[in-house]
Amino acid sequence: MSWRTIGVVGLSMALAVLVGALPPGLTPSRAEAQAKQDARPWTEEFREDKADLVTTGRNAYFVLEPGFTVTLKGGSEEFVKTVLNETKVVDGVTTRIVEERETNNGQLVEVSRNYFVISKRTNSVYYFGEDVDIYKDGKVTSHEGAWLSGVGGAKFGLMYPGTPLVGGRFYQELAPKQAMDRCEILSISETVTTPAGTFKNCMKVEDTTPLEPNAKDTKYYAPGIGLVKDGSVVLVKYGAR
């Protein structure tokens, strides 16, 4: 096992076991199990024939069909995700554009155009990058987080596996020093209640990035819909426009 595959949390746990300085309530056996969990590698190579990648379709937890929209709200925040009837060629592949708009108190915070495809062979959804506009006081102030597969050493990532497996760990973004989001599937049997309804057999994931070792984000995806909860924002509306 290479030390390079051990995450920051896992390394700290392993060192704690060695020196006997465990966090309160964490036994050596639990600490060892946690260290092993954090040491598991993240998949970053996805072998798909580009001929199998198409711009329209759906799998259990993601709808890539033009006009499909989900709206989530929490407090003053609103997040709207819309599958557009537009495509873009990225890294030699025709991708579907999915627009995400984030507002706070009715003011634009971010607009991104994300590039997705779905495999007609595996039903997995792959992420080829995004163009990003960050807003302040109604004006674009930066494009932080933008990346494209095939540019600057970036490679496409796996966004939603066709067959989700608990414990699966994979990179969603592979743009060195720029965007390196990764996902671990924690459960596929969650029940989530939102203003839009109660959904069973939801997939629970934890998103992290090596660019911000202490950052964690828990999300829930409902069958046939997609994202229904992300932190404090929850689904309020979904369907085709």
Protein backbone atom coordinates (compact mmCIF):
# COMPACT_ATOMS: atom_id res chain seq x y z
CA MET A 1 0.00 0.00 0.00
CA SER A 2 1.41 3.36 -1.01
CA TRP A 3 1.43 6.15 1.56
CA ARG A 4 0.23 8.41 -1.24
CA THR A 5 -3.14 6.65 -1.19
CA ILE A 6 -3.72 7.40 2.48
CA GLY A 7 -5.96 10.42 3.08
CA VAL A 8 -5.18 13.05 5.66
CA VAL A 9 -7.74 11.70 8.11
CA GLY A 10 -6.58 8.12 7.62
CA LEU A 11 -2.93 9.07 8.14
CA SER A 12 -3.71 10.93 11.33
CA MET A 13 -5.68 7.92 12.62
CA ALA A 14 -2.84 5.56 11.78
CA LEU A 15 -0.33 7.77 13.58
CA ALA A 16 -2.67 8.05 16.54
CA VAL A 17 -2.77 4.25 16.80
CA LEU A 18 1.04 4.11 16.77
CA VAL A 19 1.56 6.70 19.50
CA GLY A 20 -1.51 5.85 21.56
CA ALA A 21 -3.04 9.31 21.22
CA LEU A 22 -6.55 8.37 20.15
CA PRO A 23 -9.47 10.79 20.09
CA PRO A 24 -11.90 10.38 23.02
CA GLY A 25 -14.19 7.38 22.58
CA LEU A 26 -12.17 5.86 19.73
CA THR A 27 -10.74 2.45 20.58
CA PRO A 28 -7.61 1.06 18.88
CA SER A 29 -9.70 -1.45 16.90
CA ARG A 30 -12.11 1.25 15.68
CA ALA A 31 -9.20 3.54 14.86
CA GLU A 32 -7.53 0.80 12.86
CA ALA A 33 -10.75 0.09 10.97
CA GLN A 34 -11.15 3.81 10.24
CA ALA A 35 -7.56 4.04 9.02
CA LYS A 36 -8.09 1.09 6.68
CA GLN A 37 -11.31 2.65 5.41
CA ASP A 38 -9.59 5.96 4.65
CA ALA A 39 -6.64 4.20 3.02
CA ARG A 40 -8.71 2.55 0.29
CA PRO A 41 -7.81 3.95 -3.15
CA TRP A 42 -10.05 6.19 -5.24
CA THR A 43 -10.85 5.07 -8.78
CA GLU A 44 -9.58 7.61 -11.31
CA GLU A 45 -9.36 5.63 -14.54
CA PHE A 46 -12.60 4.94 -16.40
CA ARG A 47 -12.35 2.70 -19.42
CA GLU A 48 -15.26 3.54 -21.68
CA ASP A 49 -15.41 3.34 -25.45
CA LYS A 50 -16.25 6.87 -26.62
CA ALA A 51 -18.61 5.31 -29.17
CA ASP A 52 -20.78 4.19 -26.21
CA LEU A 53 -21.12 7.71 -24.76
CA VAL A 54 -24.37 9.48 -25.64
CA THR A 55 -26.02 12.76 -24.64
CA THR A 56 -29.45 11.57 -23.55
CA GLY A 57 -30.62 8.93 -21.09
CA ARG A 58 -30.98 8.18 -17.40
CA ASN A 59 -29.77 5.81 -14.73
CA ALA A 60 -31.15 5.09 -11.27
CA TYR A 61 -30.08 8.43 -9.77
CA PHE A 62 -29.60 10.85 -12.65
CA VAL A 63 -31.82 12.12 -15.46
CA LEU A 64 -30.01 13.41 -18.56
CA GLU A 65 -33.06 14.37 -20.60
CA PRO A 66 -33.58 17.89 -22.02
CA GLY A 67 -36.05 19.93 -19.99
CA PHE A 68 -35.72 17.96 -16.75
CA THR A 69 -35.29 20.32 -13.79
CA VAL A 70 -34.82 20.02 -10.04
CA THR A 71 -35.15 22.93 -7.61
CA LEU A 72 -33.76 22.83 -4.07
CA LYS A 73 -34.13 25.46 -1.37
CA GLY A 74 -32.83 26.07 2.13
CA GLY A 75 -33.21 29.36 3.97
CA SER A 76 -32.22 32.14 1.59
CA GLU A 77 -30.46 29.74 -0.80
CA GLU A 78 -31.93 28.30 -3.99
CA PHE A 79 -30.35 25.83 -6.40
CA VAL A 80 -31.87 25.09 -9.82
CA LYS A 81 -30.47 22.37 -12.08
CA THR A 82 -31.77 22.14 -15.66
CA VAL A 83 -30.86 19.74 -18.47
CA LEU A 84 -30.62 21.96 -21.53
CA ASN A 85 -31.41 21.15 -25.14
CA GLU A 86 -27.81 22.06 -25.97
CA THR A 87 -24.62 20.09 -26.50
CA LYS A 88 -20.91 20.85 -26.60
CA VAL A 89 -17.92 18.88 -27.88
CA VAL A 90 -15.40 18.38 -25.07
CA ASP A 91 -12.27 16.24 -25.46
CA GLY A 92 -13.60 14.86 -28.74
CA VAL A 93 -16.94 13.80 -27.24
CA THR A 94 -20.35 15.41 -27.73
CA THR A 95 -21.71 16.17 -24.25
CA ARG A 96 -25.05 17.34 -22.88
CA ILE A 97 -25.12 20.73 -21.11
CA VAL A 98 -26.67 20.86 -17.65
CA GLU A 99 -27.06 24.35 -16.22
CA GLU A 100 -26.85 24.99 -12.48
CA ARG A 101 -27.94 28.33 -11.02
CA GLU A 102 -27.33 29.24 -7.38
CA THR A 103 -28.93 32.28 -5.75
CA ASN A 104 -28.96 33.78 -2.27
CA ASN A 105 -31.76 36.17 -1.35
CA GLY A 106 -32.67 36.27 -5.02
CA GLN A 107 -29.21 37.40 -6.08
CA LEU A 108 -27.11 35.29 -8.43
CA VAL A 109 -24.14 33.62 -6.75
CA GLU A 110 -23.01 31.19 -9.44
CA VAL A 111 -24.03 29.91 -12.85
CA SER A 112 -22.29 26.86 -14.29
CA ARG A 113 -22.67 24.95 -17.53
CA ASN A 114 -21.75 21.32 -16.86
CA TYR A 115 -20.91 18.75 -19.53
CA PHE A 116 -22.22 15.21 -19.14
CA VAL A 117 -22.58 12.01 -21.12
CA ILE A 118 -24.11 8.64 -20.29
CA SER A 119 -22.79 5.26 -21.37
CA LYS A 120 -25.33 3.19 -23.30
CA ARG A 121 -23.34 0.11 -22.28
CA THR A 122 -22.88 0.61 -18.50
CA ASN A 123 -25.47 3.35 -17.84
CA SER A 124 -22.81 5.32 -15.96
CA VAL A 125 -22.80 9.12 -16.20
CA TYR A 126 -19.46 10.82 -16.86
CA TYR A 127 -18.46 14.41 -16.18
CA PHE A 128 -16.34 16.22 -18.78
CA GLY A 129 -16.02 19.58 -17.05
CA GLU A 130 -17.76 22.90 -16.56
CA ASP A 131 -17.69 26.58 -17.41
CA VAL A 132 -18.32 28.72 -14.33
CA ASP A 133 -19.41 32.29 -13.68
CA ILE A 134 -19.12 33.53 -10.09
CA TYR A 135 -21.24 36.60 -9.33
CA LYS A 136 -21.03 39.45 -6.82
CA ASP A 137 -23.45 42.37 -6.85
CA GLY A 138 -24.80 41.24 -10.21
CA LYS A 139 -21.43 41.10 -11.94
CA VAL A 140 -19.18 38.19 -12.90
CA THR A 141 -16.09 38.34 -10.69
CA SER A 142 -14.34 35.05 -11.48
CA HIS A 143 -14.51 31.67 -13.18
CA GLU A 144 -13.10 29.69 -10.26
CA GLY A 145 -13.57 25.95 -10.56
CA ALA A 146 -13.89 25.86 -14.36
CA TRP A 147 -12.19 22.96 -16.12
CA LEU A 148 -12.49 20.83 -19.24
CA SER A 149 -11.42 17.25 -19.90
CA GLY A 150 -8.45 17.21 -22.25
CA VAL A 151 -7.22 20.68 -21.23
CA GLY A 152 -4.20 21.16 -18.96
CA GLY A 153 -3.92 17.49 -18.07
CA ALA A 154 -7.55 17.23 -16.94
CA LYS A 155 -9.51 13.99 -17.48
CA PHE A 156 -13.20 13.22 -17.30
CA GLY A 157 -14.56 11.68 -14.09
CA LEU A 158 -17.40 9.39 -13.04
CA MET A 159 -20.41 11.32 -11.75
CA TYR A 160 -23.03 8.61 -11.20
CA PRO A 161 -22.25 4.89 -11.63
CA GLY A 162 -24.77 2.82 -13.54
CA THR A 163 -24.57 0.20 -10.80
CA PRO A 164 -23.93 1.99 -7.49
CA LEU A 165 -22.15 -0.11 -4.86
CA VAL A 166 -21.87 0.82 -1.20
CA GLY A 167 -18.24 1.62 -0.47
CA GLY A 168 -17.49 2.67 -4.03
CA ARG A 169 -15.01 5.57 -4.17
CA PHE A 170 -14.31 7.49 -7.36
CA TYR A 171 -13.19 10.85 -8.71
CA GLN A 172 -15.85 13.02 -10.29
CA GLU A 173 -13.38 15.69 -11.39
CA LEU A 174 -9.75 15.17 -12.40
CA ALA A 175 -8.28 18.61 -13.05
CA PRO A 176 -5.00 18.82 -11.06
CA LYS A 177 -4.77 21.81 -8.68
CA GLN A 178 -8.11 23.07 -9.96
CA ALA A 179 -11.00 20.66 -9.47
CA MET A 180 -10.57 17.27 -7.80
CA ASP A 181 -13.97 16.41 -6.32
CA ARG A 182 -14.43 12.76 -5.36
CA CYS A 183 -17.34 10.74 -4.04
CA GLU A 184 -17.86 7.77 -1.70
CA ILE A 185 -21.18 5.89 -1.69
CA LEU A 186 -22.27 5.37 1.92
CA SER A 187 -25.73 3.84 1.44
CA ILE A 188 -28.39 3.10 -1.16
CA SER A 189 -31.26 2.51 1.27
CA GLU A 190 -31.92 5.93 2.81
CA THR A 191 -35.33 7.55 3.23
CA VAL A 192 -35.42 11.32 2.72
CA THR A 193 -38.39 13.59 3.39
CA THR A 194 -38.56 16.93 1.57
CA PRO A 195 -41.28 19.48 0.70
CA ALA A 196 -41.55 17.67 -2.66
CA GLY A 197 -42.29 14.31 -1.03
CA THR A 198 -40.75 11.37 0.82
CA PHE A 199 -38.33 9.25 -1.17
CA LYS A 200 -37.11 5.75 -0.36
CA ASN A 201 -34.02 3.83 -1.45
CA CYS A 202 -32.02 7.04 -1.77
CA MET A 203 -28.30 6.99 -2.35
CA LYS A 204 -26.26 8.75 0.33
CA VAL A 205 -22.80 9.95 -0.65
CA GLU A 206 -19.97 11.92 0.90
CA ASP A 207 -18.08 14.33 -1.34
CA THR A 208 -14.52 15.38 -0.53
CA THR A 209 -11.52 16.83 -2.33
CA PRO A 210 -7.78 16.55 -1.69
CA LEU A 211 -7.56 20.26 -2.48
CA GLU A 212 -9.45 20.97 0.78
CA PRO A 213 -8.70 18.01 3.10
CA ASN A 214 -11.12 19.11 5.83
CA ALA A 215 -14.09 19.78 3.56
CA LYS A 216 -16.94 17.24 3.46
CA ASP A 217 -20.37 17.42 1.86
CA THR A 218 -23.18 14.87 2.32
CA LYS A 219 -25.71 14.51 -0.50
CA TYR A 220 -28.77 12.33 -1.15
CA TYR A 221 -30.10 11.17 -4.52
CA ALA A 222 -33.57 9.72 -5.07
CA PRO A 223 -34.38 7.08 -7.72
CA GLY A 224 -35.77 8.60 -10.90
CA ILE A 225 -35.09 12.16 -9.75
CA GLY A 226 -31.50 12.76 -8.70
CA LEU A 227 -30.35 15.23 -6.06
CA VAL A 228 -32.93 15.73 -3.29
CA LYS A 229 -30.77 16.98 -0.41
CA ASP A 230 -27.42 18.75 -0.26
CA GLY A 231 -26.53 19.98 3.20
CA SER A 232 -29.28 22.38 4.25
CA VAL A 233 -30.98 22.66 0.85
CA VAL A 234 -33.74 20.18 -0.01
CA LEU A 235 -35.89 19.37 -3.02
CA VAL A 236 -38.99 21.53 -3.48
CA LYS A 237 -39.85 20.86 -7.12
CA TYR A 238 -38.85 18.56 -9.98
CA GLY A 239 -39.97 17.42 -13.41
CA ALA A 240 -39.89 18.29 -17.09
CA ARG A 241 -40.42 21.87 -18.17
